[in-house]
Amino acid sequence: MPRKLLHIILLLFIGTAAFAQSPLDTLAMRAIMVNQLFPQERVYLHFDNTAYYLGETMWFKAYTTSGLADNEKPISRVLYVELCAPEGYVVETKRLLHRAASLAR
């Protein structure tokens, strides 16, 4: 009797292990779930020039995307842009409102 019980338990473990997901599948599913719950917002800046002289005006356009499908719906309503010197200190900071967010409100 105990031997049959041991065989049944072993068959149950082997059967469940055969149909279980691999660790990579569960890790990928967790990453997708985290990205859906907390979408990552990305900002792209497009400049009018590749180099600037001192005192010259810098023109740029900012694009924000969020999530896996790169939706153009912003999560944040405010964009902070900092101009940094080669030494690392901040030269100027701009605080910009997202145009779609400011029109929607």
C-alpha atoms as a PDB file:
ATOM      1  CA  MET A   1       0.000   0.000   0.000  1.00  0.00           C
ATOM      2  CA  PRO A   2       2.666   2.604   0.875  1.00  0.00           C
ATOM      3  CA  ARG A   3       4.470   1.775  -2.343  1.00  0.00           C
ATOM      4  CA  LYS A   4       1.365   2.499  -4.447  1.00  0.00           C
ATOM      5  CA  LEU A   5       0.873   5.763  -2.593  1.00  0.00           C
ATOM      6  CA  LEU A   6       4.473   6.726  -3.331  1.00  0.00           C
ATOM      7  CA  HIS A   7       3.973   5.956  -7.030  1.00  0.00           C
ATOM      8  CA  ILE A   8       0.800   8.052  -7.155  1.00  0.00           C
ATOM      9  CA  ILE A   9       2.558  11.000  -5.513  1.00  0.00           C
ATOM     10  CA  LEU A  10       5.490  10.707  -7.936  1.00  0.00           C
ATOM     11  CA  LEU A  11       3.122  10.605 -10.917  1.00  0.00           C
ATOM     12  CA  LEU A  12       1.339  13.703  -9.648  1.00  0.00           C
ATOM     13  CA  PHE A  13       4.616  15.611  -9.313  1.00  0.00           C
ATOM     14  CA  ILE A  14       5.820  14.508 -12.747  1.00  0.00           C
ATOM     15  CA  GLY A  15       2.466  15.387 -14.327  1.00  0.00           C
ATOM     16  CA  THR A  16       2.353  18.860 -12.835  1.00  0.00           C
ATOM     17  CA  ALA A  17       5.987  19.528 -13.705  1.00  0.00           C
ATOM     18  CA  ALA A  18       5.370  18.547 -17.327  1.00  0.00           C
ATOM     19  CA  PHE A  19       2.581  21.112 -17.716  1.00  0.00           C
ATOM     20  CA  ALA A  20       4.184  23.886 -15.682  1.00  0.00           C
ATOM     21  CA  GLN A  21       5.551  27.021 -17.307  1.00  0.00           C
ATOM     22  CA  SER A  22       9.258  27.517 -17.574  1.00  0.00           C
ATOM     23  CA  PRO A  23      10.877  30.185 -15.357  1.00  0.00           C
ATOM     24  CA  LEU A  24      11.490  32.359 -18.432  1.00  0.00           C
ATOM     25  CA  ASP A  25       7.785  32.313 -19.325  1.00  0.00           C
ATOM     26  CA  THR A  26       6.745  33.393 -15.849  1.00  0.00           C
ATOM     27  CA  LEU A  27       9.440  36.079 -15.780  1.00  0.00           C
ATOM     28  CA  ALA A  28       8.255  37.443 -19.124  1.00  0.00           C
ATOM     29  CA  MET A  29       4.641  37.426 -17.951  1.00  0.00           C
ATOM     30  CA  ARG A  30       5.614  39.274 -14.761  1.00  0.00           C
ATOM     31  CA  ALA A  31       7.493  41.896 -16.791  1.00  0.00           C
ATOM     32  CA  ILE A  32       4.442  42.435 -19.017  1.00  0.00           C
ATOM     33  CA  MET A  33       2.166  42.741 -15.988  1.00  0.00           C
ATOM     34  CA  VAL A  34       4.481  45.259 -14.293  1.00  0.00           C
ATOM     35  CA  ASN A  35       4.660  47.306 -17.493  1.00  0.00           C
ATOM     36  CA  GLN A  36       0.869  47.344 -17.730  1.00  0.00           C
ATOM     37  CA  LEU A  37       0.461  48.378 -14.092  1.00  0.00           C
ATOM     38  CA  PHE A  38       3.305  50.926 -14.135  1.00  0.00           C
ATOM     39  CA  PRO A  39       3.881  52.030 -17.746  1.00  0.00           C
ATOM     40  CA  GLN A  40       7.253  53.587 -18.447  1.00  0.00           C
ATOM     41  CA  GLU A  41       7.134  57.050 -19.940  1.00  0.00           C
ATOM     42  CA  ARG A  42       9.805  57.923 -22.495  1.00  0.00           C
ATOM     43  CA  VAL A  43      10.704  61.393 -23.745  1.00  0.00           C
ATOM     44  CA  TYR A  44      12.313  62.138 -27.096  1.00  0.00           C
ATOM     45  CA  LEU A  45      13.768  65.556 -27.914  1.00  0.00           C
ATOM     46  CA  HIS A  46      14.301  66.719 -31.502  1.00  0.00           C
ATOM     47  CA  PHE A  47      16.608  69.711 -31.954  1.00  0.00           C
ATOM     48  CA  ASP A  48      16.872  72.133 -34.872  1.00  0.00           C
ATOM     49  CA  ASN A  49      20.683  71.859 -34.972  1.00  0.00           C
ATOM     50  CA  THR A  50      23.457  69.494 -33.933  1.00  0.00           C
ATOM     51  CA  ALA A  51      25.694  72.174 -32.376  1.00  0.00           C
ATOM     52  CA  TYR A  52      25.110  75.660 -30.997  1.00  0.00           C
ATOM     53  CA  TYR A  53      27.208  78.766 -30.396  1.00  0.00           C
ATOM     54  CA  LEU A  54      27.165  80.658 -27.117  1.00  0.00           C
ATOM     55  CA  GLY A  55      24.064  82.860 -26.957  1.00  0.00           C
ATOM     56  CA  GLU A  56      22.295  81.074 -29.811  1.00  0.00           C
ATOM     57  CA  THR A  57      18.655  80.061 -29.326  1.00  0.00           C
ATOM     58  CA  MET A  58      17.999  76.322 -29.101  1.00  0.00           C
ATOM     59  CA  TRP A  59      14.743  75.153 -30.661  1.00  0.00           C
ATOM     60  CA  PHE A  60      13.432  71.698 -29.794  1.00  0.00           C
ATOM     61  CA  LYS A  61      10.298  69.606 -29.888  1.00  0.00           C
ATOM     62  CA  ALA A  62       9.484  66.972 -27.261  1.00  0.00           C
ATOM     63  CA  TYR A  63       7.575  63.730 -27.818  1.00  0.00           C
ATOM     64  CA  THR A  64       6.328  61.548 -24.982  1.00  0.00           C
ATOM     65  CA  THR A  65       5.322  57.914 -25.277  1.00  0.00           C
ATOM     66  CA  SER A  66       4.204  55.404 -22.696  1.00  0.00           C
ATOM     67  CA  GLY A  67       3.677  51.665 -22.465  1.00  0.00           C
ATOM     68  CA  LEU A  68       4.666  48.869 -24.794  1.00  0.00           C
ATOM     69  CA  ALA A  69       2.771  50.124 -27.838  1.00  0.00           C
ATOM     70  CA  ASP A  70       4.353  53.611 -27.683  1.00  0.00           C
ATOM     71  CA  ASN A  71       1.067  55.412 -27.187  1.00  0.00           C
ATOM     72  CA  GLU A  72       1.333  59.164 -27.500  1.00  0.00           C
ATOM     73  CA  LYS A  73      -0.827  59.656 -24.430  1.00  0.00           C
ATOM     74  CA  PRO A  74       1.310  61.310 -21.768  1.00  0.00           C
ATOM     75  CA  ILE A  75       1.280  60.128 -18.186  1.00  0.00           C
ATOM     76  CA  SER A  76       2.848  63.305 -16.836  1.00  0.00           C
ATOM     77  CA  ARG A  77       1.539  66.763 -17.577  1.00  0.00           C
ATOM     78  CA  VAL A  78       4.831  68.567 -16.913  1.00  0.00           C
ATOM     79  CA  LEU A  79       8.148  68.037 -18.715  1.00  0.00           C
ATOM     80  CA  TYR A  80      11.389  69.259 -17.158  1.00  0.00           C
ATOM     81  CA  VAL A  81      14.242  69.884 -19.604  1.00  0.00           C
ATOM     82  CA  GLU A  82      17.727  70.664 -18.303  1.00  0.00           C
ATOM     83  CA  LEU A  83      20.656  72.006 -20.289  1.00  0.00           C
ATOM     84  CA  CYS A  84      23.867  70.680 -18.751  1.00  0.00           C
ATOM     85  CA  ALA A  85      27.432  71.851 -19.287  1.00  0.00           C
ATOM     86  CA  PRO A  86      30.136  69.308 -20.226  1.00  0.00           C
ATOM     87  CA  GLU A  87      31.363  69.540 -16.618  1.00  0.00           C
ATOM     88  CA  GLY A  88      27.968  68.302 -15.409  1.00  0.00           C
ATOM     89  CA  TYR A  89      26.379  71.352 -13.785  1.00  0.00           C
ATOM     90  CA  VAL A  90      22.945  72.565 -14.890  1.00  0.00           C
ATOM     91  CA  VAL A  91      23.058  75.713 -17.045  1.00  0.00           C
ATOM     92  CA  GLU A  92      19.312  76.213 -17.519  1.00  0.00           C
ATOM     93  CA  THR A  93      16.071  74.444 -16.625  1.00  0.00           C
ATOM     94  CA  LYS A  94      12.758  74.687 -18.483  1.00  0.00           C
ATOM     95  CA  ARG A  95       9.408  73.534 -17.128  1.00  0.00           C
ATOM     96  CA  LEU A  96       6.971  72.834 -19.961  1.00  0.00           C
ATOM     97  CA  LEU A  97       3.311  71.848 -19.856  1.00  0.00           C
ATOM     98  CA  HIS A  98       2.266  69.086 -22.214  1.00  0.00           C
ATOM     99  CA  ARG A  99       0.113  70.660 -24.938  1.00  0.00           C
ATOM    100  CA  ALA A 100      -2.464  67.826 -25.063  1.00  0.00           C
ATOM    101  CA  ALA A 101      -2.770  67.816 -21.264  1.00  0.00           C
ATOM    102  CA  SER A 102      -3.195  71.588 -21.087  1.00  0.00           C
ATOM    103  CA  LEU A 103      -5.864  71.560 -23.824  1.00  0.00           C
ATOM    104  CA  ALA A 104      -7.797  68.690 -22.236  1.00  0.00           C
ATOM    105  CA  ARG A 105      -8.182  70.405 -18.857  1.00  0.00           C
END
